[in-house]
Structures are given as structure tokens and as C-alpha cells.
Amino acid sequence: MFQGYAWSANLGWINLGPGSLQTRSLAITDSDHDCIGDEWELAWFGTLTSANAVTDADGDGVSDKNEYLADTGPLDATDNLNLELTALAPGAEHVTSLSWKSKTTRLYRLQTSPSLLSSSWTETTPGFIPGTGDPILRVLTSPDPRHFYRLEVGLPFQP
């Protein structure tokens, strides 16, 4: 939801506060139905036929579809989404530092689970947090040394 004010030449100042204007979703055109937005695909490849869910233009092991979802460069093997973990203080409480490069065009949700087989993942922060363009750092404490982490990326205004 937007908040604040916006200027319109036809209407003047528009209050974007609660109850005034709400945007719950934003349609992304995907003409070729490959789960990659046309605007992104055209910007990177100049065509809608070069990239899809299984292609990997830069050969970095990340599909072009996943590059789109993370908003990383599909033609640059060094531009990728990596979750970096560092164990800080093993002992009674296990402290782990987790960080990743963020994009202002994406939202992130960090989750943890004591088992990869578990269908239950716990969010480390409520909901998605917006990317800042800078690395995001989270320091987590757990009594159990065995933890798995999952970083989910979301597109703004998607259901």
C-alpha cells in the first residue's frame, strides 16, 4: 500500500494515505507464458524467445527465470543471489550471521527450519522485507546447531 502524497497535473495533490488509494497487485505482462516478465526479458535479451525457465544465458547454473525472479543479471555470471552464512559463537547459543545482496526491485523473506524434510519453516521476520540495494544482514540465535535457512524472493505487488 502506498502512503504519502503524489502530484497530478489534472487533480493536484493526491493523498495516498490509508483508505485513500490502495494497490494490491500489479499486472506483469508475460506474452510468451514463460514466467518471465516481458519488460525484463526485452531489456536483457531484446527478444521474448531467448530466455525461459530452463535456459541459462551466462552459464552460472541459475536459470534465466530464476535470474528474473531475483533481478540478477542473466548475462553476468558474477551477478547472483547468494546467502552467506557465518557461525559467530558456537556454544550454548549458536549465533549465525546471514547476509545477501539485495535489489530495490525485490522483497525478501528469510526462513529457518531444523530439518530439510520439515514442511514447517519459521520466518525470521514477519513477512517480506524490501530490498535496499545494499547487503542485508541478519544475526540469528538458536539453541540447536543444526539449522537450515531458506531465502525467498518476491516481486512487489504480487498476490
N, C-alpha and C. Protein backbone atom coordinates (compact mmCIF):
# COMPACT_ATOMS: atom_id res chain seq x y z
N MET A 1 0.84 -1.16 0.00
CA MET A 1 0.00 0.00 0.00
C MET A 1 0.90 1.24 0.00
N PHE A 2 0.58 2.22 -0.82
CA PHE A 2 1.32 3.47 -0.89
C PHE A 2 0.85 4.40 0.22
N GLN A 3 1.75 5.23 0.72
CA GLN A 3 1.37 6.27 1.67
C GLN A 3 2.11 7.53 1.31
N GLY A 4 1.55 8.67 1.66
CA GLY A 4 2.14 9.96 1.35
C GLY A 4 1.27 10.69 0.35
N TYR A 5 1.88 11.52 -0.48
CA TYR A 5 1.15 12.31 -1.46
C TYR A 5 1.81 12.20 -2.83
N ALA A 6 1.01 12.31 -3.86
CA ALA A 6 1.50 12.34 -5.23
C ALA A 6 0.87 13.52 -5.95
N TRP A 7 1.59 14.12 -6.88
CA TRP A 7 1.10 15.28 -7.62
C TRP A 7 0.57 14.86 -8.97
N SER A 8 -0.60 15.33 -9.34
CA SER A 8 -1.18 15.10 -10.65
C SER A 8 -1.54 16.45 -11.24
N ALA A 9 -1.13 16.69 -12.49
CA ALA A 9 -1.43 17.97 -13.14
C ALA A 9 -2.93 18.19 -13.26
N ASN A 10 -3.69 17.11 -13.39
CA ASN A 10 -5.14 17.24 -13.54
C ASN A 10 -5.88 17.33 -12.21
N LEU A 11 -5.31 16.71 -11.15
CA LEU A 11 -6.03 16.63 -9.88
C LEU A 11 -5.36 17.37 -8.74
N GLY A 12 -4.12 17.78 -8.89
CA GLY A 12 -3.39 18.40 -7.78
C GLY A 12 -2.78 17.32 -6.90
N TRP A 13 -2.64 17.62 -5.61
CA TRP A 13 -2.06 16.65 -4.68
C TRP A 13 -3.07 15.57 -4.35
N ILE A 14 -2.64 14.32 -4.42
CA ILE A 14 -3.49 13.18 -4.11
C ILE A 14 -2.96 12.53 -2.85
N ASN A 15 -3.83 12.38 -1.85
CA ASN A 15 -3.46 11.73 -0.60
C ASN A 15 -3.42 10.23 -0.82
N LEU A 16 -2.25 9.61 -0.59
CA LEU A 16 -2.10 8.17 -0.76
C LEU A 16 -2.20 7.45 0.58
N GLY A 17 -2.71 8.14 1.59
CA GLY A 17 -2.81 7.57 2.93
C GLY A 17 -3.82 6.45 3.01
N PRO A 18 -3.91 5.80 4.16
CA PRO A 18 -4.83 4.68 4.36
C PRO A 18 -6.26 5.05 3.96
N GLY A 19 -6.88 4.18 3.20
CA GLY A 19 -8.26 4.38 2.79
C GLY A 19 -8.43 5.26 1.57
N SER A 20 -7.38 5.96 1.15
CA SER A 20 -7.49 6.87 0.01
C SER A 20 -7.25 6.16 -1.30
N LEU A 21 -6.15 5.44 -1.39
CA LEU A 21 -5.77 4.75 -2.62
C LEU A 21 -5.04 3.48 -2.22
N GLN A 22 -5.47 2.35 -2.73
CA GLN A 22 -4.81 1.10 -2.41
C GLN A 22 -4.48 0.35 -3.69
N THR A 23 -3.27 -0.19 -3.75
CA THR A 23 -2.86 -1.02 -4.86
C THR A 23 -2.45 -2.36 -4.27
N ARG A 24 -3.17 -3.39 -4.61
CA ARG A 24 -2.88 -4.70 -4.04
C ARG A 24 -2.12 -5.61 -5.00
N SER A 25 -2.17 -5.33 -6.27
CA SER A 25 -1.41 -6.13 -7.22
C SER A 25 -1.06 -5.29 -8.44
N LEU A 26 -0.07 -5.75 -9.16
CA LEU A 26 0.40 -5.08 -10.35
C LEU A 26 0.56 -6.14 -11.42
N ALA A 27 -0.12 -5.96 -12.53
CA ALA A 27 -0.05 -6.94 -13.61
C ALA A 27 1.29 -6.85 -14.32
N ILE A 28 1.92 -7.98 -14.51
CA ILE A 28 3.17 -8.05 -15.25
C ILE A 28 2.88 -8.83 -16.53
N THR A 29 3.15 -8.21 -17.67
CA THR A 29 2.88 -8.85 -18.95
C THR A 29 3.88 -9.96 -19.21
N ASP A 30 3.38 -11.13 -19.57
CA ASP A 30 4.20 -12.28 -19.91
C ASP A 30 3.59 -12.93 -21.16
N SER A 31 3.82 -12.30 -22.30
CA SER A 31 3.20 -12.72 -23.56
C SER A 31 3.50 -14.15 -23.97
N ASP A 32 4.73 -14.61 -23.68
CA ASP A 32 5.12 -15.96 -24.11
C ASP A 32 4.92 -17.01 -23.01
N HIS A 33 4.35 -16.62 -21.89
CA HIS A 33 3.98 -17.54 -20.80
C HIS A 33 5.15 -18.37 -20.28
N ASP A 34 6.33 -17.73 -20.17
CA ASP A 34 7.49 -18.45 -19.65
C ASP A 34 7.82 -18.07 -18.21
N CYS A 35 6.90 -17.33 -17.56
CA CYS A 35 7.06 -16.88 -16.17
C CYS A 35 8.17 -15.85 -16.01
N ILE A 36 8.51 -15.17 -17.10
CA ILE A 36 9.48 -14.07 -17.08
C ILE A 36 8.77 -12.86 -17.66
N GLY A 37 8.76 -11.76 -16.94
CA GLY A 37 8.10 -10.55 -17.40
C GLY A 37 8.69 -10.05 -18.71
N ASP A 38 7.82 -9.66 -19.65
CA ASP A 38 8.27 -9.21 -20.97
C ASP A 38 9.25 -8.04 -20.89
N GLU A 39 8.98 -7.07 -20.03
CA GLU A 39 9.84 -5.88 -19.94
C GLU A 39 11.27 -6.27 -19.58
N TRP A 40 11.43 -7.16 -18.60
CA TRP A 40 12.75 -7.61 -18.17
C TRP A 40 13.42 -8.40 -19.29
N GLU A 41 12.66 -9.29 -19.90
CA GLU A 41 13.19 -10.14 -20.97
C GLU A 41 13.67 -9.30 -22.16
N LEU A 42 12.89 -8.30 -22.53
CA LEU A 42 13.27 -7.43 -23.65
C LEU A 42 14.48 -6.56 -23.28
N ALA A 43 14.53 -6.09 -22.04
CA ALA A 43 15.66 -5.26 -21.62
C ALA A 43 16.97 -6.04 -21.67
N TRP A 44 16.95 -7.32 -21.26
CA TRP A 44 18.18 -8.10 -21.21
C TRP A 44 18.51 -8.80 -22.53
N PHE A 45 17.48 -9.26 -23.26
CA PHE A 45 17.74 -10.09 -24.43
C PHE A 45 17.29 -9.46 -25.75
N GLY A 46 16.43 -8.45 -25.68
CA GLY A 46 15.95 -7.80 -26.89
C GLY A 46 14.89 -8.60 -27.63
N THR A 47 14.51 -9.72 -27.08
CA THR A 47 13.51 -10.60 -27.69
C THR A 47 12.81 -11.40 -26.60
N LEU A 48 11.66 -11.94 -26.91
CA LEU A 48 10.93 -12.78 -25.95
C LEU A 48 11.20 -14.27 -26.16
N THR A 49 12.07 -14.61 -27.09
CA THR A 49 12.30 -16.02 -27.42
C THR A 49 13.65 -16.56 -26.95
N SER A 50 14.50 -15.74 -26.37
CA SER A 50 15.84 -16.19 -25.96
C SER A 50 15.87 -16.83 -24.58
N ALA A 51 15.04 -16.37 -23.66
CA ALA A 51 15.08 -16.85 -22.28
C ALA A 51 13.79 -17.55 -21.91
N ASN A 52 13.93 -18.56 -21.02
CA ASN A 52 12.75 -19.23 -20.48
C ASN A 52 13.14 -19.89 -19.16
N ALA A 53 12.31 -20.79 -18.67
CA ALA A 53 12.52 -21.40 -17.36
C ALA A 53 13.76 -22.29 -17.28
N VAL A 54 14.26 -22.79 -18.41
CA VAL A 54 15.40 -23.72 -18.36
C VAL A 54 16.68 -23.17 -18.98
N THR A 55 16.62 -22.06 -19.70
CA THR A 55 17.84 -21.50 -20.30
C THR A 55 18.71 -20.86 -19.22
N ASP A 56 20.00 -20.78 -19.47
CA ASP A 56 20.97 -20.17 -18.56
C ASP A 56 22.00 -19.44 -19.41
N ALA A 57 21.66 -18.22 -19.83
CA ALA A 57 22.46 -17.47 -20.80
C ALA A 57 23.90 -17.24 -20.35
N ASP A 58 24.14 -17.02 -19.05
CA ASP A 58 25.50 -16.73 -18.60
C ASP A 58 26.22 -17.97 -18.05
N GLY A 59 25.56 -19.13 -18.06
CA GLY A 59 26.21 -20.38 -17.65
C GLY A 59 26.60 -20.45 -16.19
N ASP A 60 25.91 -19.70 -15.32
CA ASP A 60 26.27 -19.71 -13.90
C ASP A 60 25.51 -20.74 -13.08
N GLY A 61 24.70 -21.56 -13.73
CA GLY A 61 23.95 -22.58 -13.01
C GLY A 61 22.60 -22.10 -12.48
N VAL A 62 22.26 -20.85 -12.77
CA VAL A 62 20.97 -20.29 -12.35
C VAL A 62 20.16 -20.02 -13.62
N SER A 63 18.96 -20.57 -13.68
CA SER A 63 18.14 -20.40 -14.88
C SER A 63 17.79 -18.93 -15.10
N ASP A 64 17.52 -18.58 -16.34
CA ASP A 64 17.14 -17.20 -16.65
C ASP A 64 15.85 -16.81 -15.92
N LYS A 65 14.95 -17.76 -15.73
CA LYS A 65 13.73 -17.48 -14.96
C LYS A 65 14.09 -17.10 -13.52
N ASN A 66 15.00 -17.84 -12.89
CA ASN A 66 15.40 -17.52 -11.52
C ASN A 66 16.20 -16.22 -11.46
N GLU A 67 16.94 -15.92 -12.51
CA GLU A 67 17.63 -14.62 -12.57
C GLU A 67 16.59 -13.50 -12.59
N TYR A 68 15.52 -13.70 -13.34
CA TYR A 68 14.42 -12.72 -13.38
C TYR A 68 13.80 -12.56 -12.00
N LEU A 69 13.50 -13.68 -11.35
CA LEU A 69 12.85 -13.61 -10.04
C LEU A 69 13.73 -12.89 -9.01
N ALA A 70 15.05 -13.07 -9.10
CA ALA A 70 15.97 -12.41 -8.16
C ALA A 70 16.43 -11.05 -8.66
N ASP A 71 16.09 -10.71 -9.91
CA ASP A 71 16.53 -9.48 -10.58
C ASP A 71 18.05 -9.38 -10.62
N THR A 72 18.68 -10.51 -10.97
CA THR A 72 20.13 -10.52 -11.18
C THR A 72 20.39 -10.55 -12.68
N GLY A 73 21.60 -10.26 -13.08
CA GLY A 73 21.95 -10.15 -14.50
C GLY A 73 22.09 -11.51 -15.16
N PRO A 74 21.21 -11.85 -16.10
CA PRO A 74 21.29 -13.15 -16.76
C PRO A 74 22.45 -13.29 -17.74
N LEU A 75 23.16 -12.19 -17.99
CA LEU A 75 24.31 -12.22 -18.89
C LEU A 75 25.62 -11.99 -18.13
N ASP A 76 25.55 -12.02 -16.79
CA ASP A 76 26.71 -11.77 -15.94
C ASP A 76 26.78 -12.88 -14.89
N ALA A 77 27.70 -13.81 -15.09
CA ALA A 77 27.81 -14.97 -14.18
C ALA A 77 28.20 -14.57 -12.76
N THR A 78 28.71 -13.35 -12.56
CA THR A 78 29.11 -12.93 -11.21
C THR A 78 27.97 -12.24 -10.46
N ASP A 79 26.87 -11.94 -11.15
CA ASP A 79 25.74 -11.27 -10.51
C ASP A 79 24.69 -12.33 -10.16
N ASN A 80 24.68 -12.72 -8.88
CA ASN A 80 23.73 -13.74 -8.46
C ASN A 80 23.31 -13.52 -7.01
N LEU A 81 22.31 -14.25 -6.60
CA LEU A 81 21.79 -14.16 -5.24
C LEU A 81 22.42 -15.28 -4.42
N ASN A 82 23.24 -14.91 -3.45
CA ASN A 82 23.89 -15.88 -2.57
C ASN A 82 23.57 -15.54 -1.13
N LEU A 83 23.20 -16.53 -0.37
CA LEU A 83 23.00 -16.38 1.07
C LEU A 83 24.30 -16.81 1.74
N GLU A 84 24.98 -15.85 2.36
CA GLU A 84 26.26 -16.14 3.00
C GLU A 84 26.04 -16.33 4.49
N LEU A 85 26.53 -17.45 5.03
CA LEU A 85 26.37 -17.78 6.44
C LEU A 85 27.72 -17.81 7.13
N THR A 86 27.76 -17.29 8.35
CA THR A 86 28.96 -17.33 9.16
C THR A 86 28.56 -17.68 10.58
N ALA A 87 29.12 -18.77 11.12
CA ALA A 87 28.87 -19.12 12.52
C ALA A 87 29.72 -18.20 13.38
N LEU A 88 29.07 -17.45 14.28
CA LEU A 88 29.79 -16.45 15.07
C LEU A 88 30.19 -16.93 16.45
N ALA A 89 29.29 -17.65 17.13
CA ALA A 89 29.58 -18.01 18.51
C ALA A 89 29.02 -19.38 18.85
N PRO A 90 29.74 -20.45 18.49
CA PRO A 90 29.25 -21.76 18.90
C PRO A 90 29.33 -21.88 20.42
N GLY A 91 28.39 -22.58 20.98
CA GLY A 91 28.32 -22.74 22.43
C GLY A 91 26.89 -23.07 22.81
N ALA A 92 26.47 -22.64 23.98
CA ALA A 92 25.10 -22.92 24.43
C ALA A 92 24.09 -22.30 23.46
N GLU A 93 24.38 -21.11 23.00
CA GLU A 93 23.55 -20.45 21.98
C GLU A 93 24.38 -20.36 20.70
N HIS A 94 23.84 -20.84 19.61
CA HIS A 94 24.53 -20.81 18.33
C HIS A 94 24.11 -19.55 17.58
N VAL A 95 25.06 -18.68 17.32
CA VAL A 95 24.79 -17.41 16.65
C VAL A 95 25.31 -17.51 15.21
N THR A 96 24.43 -17.18 14.28
CA THR A 96 24.79 -17.25 12.87
C THR A 96 24.50 -15.92 12.21
N SER A 97 25.45 -15.45 11.43
CA SER A 97 25.28 -14.24 10.64
C SER A 97 24.92 -14.66 9.23
N LEU A 98 23.85 -14.07 8.69
CA LEU A 98 23.41 -14.37 7.32
C LEU A 98 23.31 -13.05 6.57
N SER A 99 23.82 -13.04 5.34
CA SER A 99 23.74 -11.80 4.55
C SER A 99 23.55 -12.15 3.08
N TRP A 100 22.95 -11.20 2.35
CA TRP A 100 22.76 -11.36 0.91
C TRP A 100 22.67 -9.99 0.27
N LYS A 101 23.06 -9.92 -1.02
CA LYS A 101 22.91 -8.69 -1.79
C LYS A 101 21.43 -8.50 -2.09
N SER A 102 20.93 -7.30 -1.90
CA SER A 102 19.51 -7.06 -2.17
C SER A 102 19.34 -6.10 -3.35
N LYS A 103 18.19 -6.16 -3.94
CA LYS A 103 17.81 -5.28 -5.04
C LYS A 103 16.59 -4.48 -4.59
N THR A 104 16.55 -3.22 -4.96
CA THR A 104 15.41 -2.38 -4.57
C THR A 104 14.13 -2.81 -5.26
N THR A 105 14.24 -3.63 -6.29
CA THR A 105 13.09 -4.11 -7.05
C THR A 105 12.52 -5.41 -6.51
N ARG A 106 13.05 -5.90 -5.40
CA ARG A 106 12.59 -7.18 -4.87
C ARG A 106 12.34 -7.11 -3.37
N LEU A 107 11.57 -8.08 -2.88
CA LEU A 107 11.28 -8.27 -1.46
C LEU A 107 11.90 -9.59 -1.04
N TYR A 108 12.25 -9.70 0.26
CA TYR A 108 12.94 -10.89 0.74
C TYR A 108 12.31 -11.41 2.03
N ARG A 109 12.31 -12.74 2.14
CA ARG A 109 11.82 -13.37 3.37
C ARG A 109 12.81 -14.47 3.72
N LEU A 110 13.41 -14.37 4.91
CA LEU A 110 14.36 -15.36 5.40
C LEU A 110 13.64 -16.29 6.36
N GLN A 111 13.77 -17.59 6.11
CA GLN A 111 13.10 -18.59 6.93
C GLN A 111 14.12 -19.61 7.44
N THR A 112 13.77 -20.27 8.53
CA THR A 112 14.65 -21.27 9.12
C THR A 112 13.85 -22.51 9.49
N SER A 113 14.54 -23.66 9.51
CA SER A 113 13.92 -24.92 9.89
C SER A 113 15.00 -25.83 10.46
N PRO A 114 14.65 -26.66 11.44
CA PRO A 114 15.65 -27.60 11.97
C PRO A 114 15.88 -28.80 11.06
N SER A 115 15.04 -28.96 10.02
CA SER A 115 15.16 -30.11 9.13
C SER A 115 14.76 -29.73 7.72
N LEU A 116 15.48 -30.25 6.74
CA LEU A 116 15.11 -30.02 5.34
C LEU A 116 13.84 -30.79 4.98
N LEU A 117 13.55 -31.83 5.72
CA LEU A 117 12.38 -32.65 5.46
C LEU A 117 11.10 -32.04 6.04
N SER A 118 11.27 -31.06 6.89
CA SER A 118 10.12 -30.43 7.54
C SER A 118 9.33 -29.59 6.54
N SER A 119 8.03 -29.63 6.65
CA SER A 119 7.20 -28.75 5.83
C SER A 119 6.93 -27.44 6.55
N SER A 120 7.48 -27.33 7.75
CA SER A 120 7.26 -26.13 8.56
C SER A 120 8.54 -25.29 8.60
N TRP A 121 8.46 -24.10 8.02
CA TRP A 121 9.56 -23.16 8.05
C TRP A 121 9.12 -21.95 8.88
N THR A 122 10.01 -21.43 9.71
CA THR A 122 9.71 -20.29 10.57
C THR A 122 10.31 -19.03 9.97
N GLU A 123 9.51 -17.99 9.89
CA GLU A 123 10.02 -16.71 9.37
C GLU A 123 10.87 -16.04 10.44
N THR A 124 12.00 -15.46 10.01
CA THR A 124 12.87 -14.76 10.95
C THR A 124 12.39 -13.32 11.16
N THR A 125 11.63 -12.80 10.22
CA THR A 125 10.96 -11.50 10.36
C THR A 125 9.56 -11.69 9.80
N PRO A 126 8.60 -10.97 10.30
CA PRO A 126 7.24 -11.16 9.78
C PRO A 126 7.10 -10.66 8.35
N GLY A 127 6.76 -11.56 7.45
CA GLY A 127 6.52 -11.18 6.06
C GLY A 127 7.78 -10.85 5.29
N PHE A 128 7.57 -10.28 4.13
CA PHE A 128 8.67 -9.88 3.26
C PHE A 128 9.22 -8.52 3.68
N ILE A 129 10.53 -8.34 3.51
CA ILE A 129 11.15 -7.04 3.75
C ILE A 129 11.67 -6.50 2.42
N PRO A 130 11.59 -5.20 2.20
CA PRO A 130 12.03 -4.65 0.91
C PRO A 130 13.55 -4.61 0.81
N GLY A 131 14.04 -4.84 -0.41
CA GLY A 131 15.47 -4.71 -0.68
C GLY A 131 15.86 -3.25 -0.66
N THR A 132 17.10 -2.97 -0.30
CA THR A 132 17.59 -1.61 -0.18
C THR A 132 18.62 -1.26 -1.26
N GLY A 133 19.10 -2.27 -1.97
CA GLY A 133 20.20 -2.06 -2.91
C GLY A 133 21.53 -2.34 -2.25
N ASP A 134 21.54 -2.47 -0.94
CA ASP A 134 22.73 -2.79 -0.16
C ASP A 134 22.59 -4.21 0.39
N PRO A 135 23.69 -4.79 0.87
CA PRO A 135 23.56 -6.10 1.50
C PRO A 135 22.65 -6.03 2.73
N ILE A 136 21.88 -7.08 2.94
CA ILE A 136 21.02 -7.19 4.11
C ILE A 136 21.68 -8.19 5.05
N LEU A 137 21.75 -7.86 6.33
CA LEU A 137 22.40 -8.69 7.33
C LEU A 137 21.39 -9.07 8.40
N ARG A 138 21.36 -10.34 8.75
CA ARG A 138 20.54 -10.83 9.85
C ARG A 138 21.43 -11.68 10.74
N VAL A 139 21.34 -11.49 12.05
CA VAL A 139 22.08 -12.31 13.01
C VAL A 139 21.03 -13.07 13.81
N LEU A 140 21.12 -14.40 13.75
CA LEU A 140 20.12 -15.26 14.39
C LEU A 140 20.77 -16.11 15.48
N THR A 141 20.02 -16.34 16.54
CA THR A 141 20.48 -17.16 17.66
C THR A 141 19.56 -18.36 17.80
N SER A 142 20.16 -19.53 18.02
CA SER A 142 19.38 -20.76 18.17
C SER A 142 20.07 -21.68 19.16
N PRO A 143 19.30 -22.42 19.96
CA PRO A 143 19.93 -23.39 20.86
C PRO A 143 20.40 -24.65 20.12
N ASP A 144 19.92 -24.85 18.89
CA ASP A 144 20.26 -26.04 18.10
C ASP A 144 21.28 -25.67 17.01
N PRO A 145 22.42 -26.36 16.95
CA PRO A 145 23.42 -26.02 15.93
C PRO A 145 22.99 -26.42 14.51
N ARG A 146 22.04 -27.34 14.41
CA ARG A 146 21.59 -27.80 13.09
C ARG A 146 20.39 -26.99 12.66
N HIS A 147 20.62 -26.08 11.74
CA HIS A 147 19.54 -25.27 11.20
C HIS A 147 19.72 -25.11 9.70
N PHE A 148 18.62 -25.04 9.02
CA PHE A 148 18.63 -24.81 7.59
C PHE A 148 17.96 -23.47 7.34
N TYR A 149 18.46 -22.76 6.33
CA TYR A 149 17.93 -21.43 6.03
C TYR A 149 17.46 -21.39 4.58
N ARG A 150 16.40 -20.65 4.38
CA ARG A 150 15.83 -20.51 3.04
C ARG A 150 15.53 -19.03 2.83
N LEU A 151 16.00 -18.50 1.69
CA LEU A 151 15.75 -17.12 1.33
C LEU A 151 14.78 -17.11 0.17
N GLU A 152 13.63 -16.49 0.40
CA GLU A 152 12.60 -16.41 -0.63
C GLU A 152 12.61 -15.00 -1.19
N VAL A 153 12.46 -14.89 -2.50
CA VAL A 153 12.44 -13.59 -3.17
C VAL A 153 11.05 -13.36 -3.72
N GLY A 154 10.52 -12.15 -3.54
CA GLY A 154 9.20 -11.82 -4.06
C GLY A 154 9.25 -10.57 -4.91
N LEU A 155 8.32 -10.51 -5.86
CA LEU A 155 8.15 -9.32 -6.67
C LEU A 155 7.13 -8.42 -5.99
N PRO A 156 7.36 -7.12 -5.92
CA PRO A 156 6.41 -6.24 -5.27
C PRO A 156 5.04 -6.30 -5.96
N PHE A 157 4.01 -6.17 -5.17
CA PHE A 157 2.61 -6.09 -5.63
C PHE A 157 2.10 -7.37 -6.26
N GLN A 158 2.73 -8.50 -5.98
CA GLN A 158 2.21 -9.77 -6.50
C GLN A 158 1.33 -10.40 -5.43
N PRO A 159 0.29 -11.12 -5.86
CA PRO A 159 -0.62 -11.74 -4.89
C PRO A 159 0.07 -12.82 -4.07
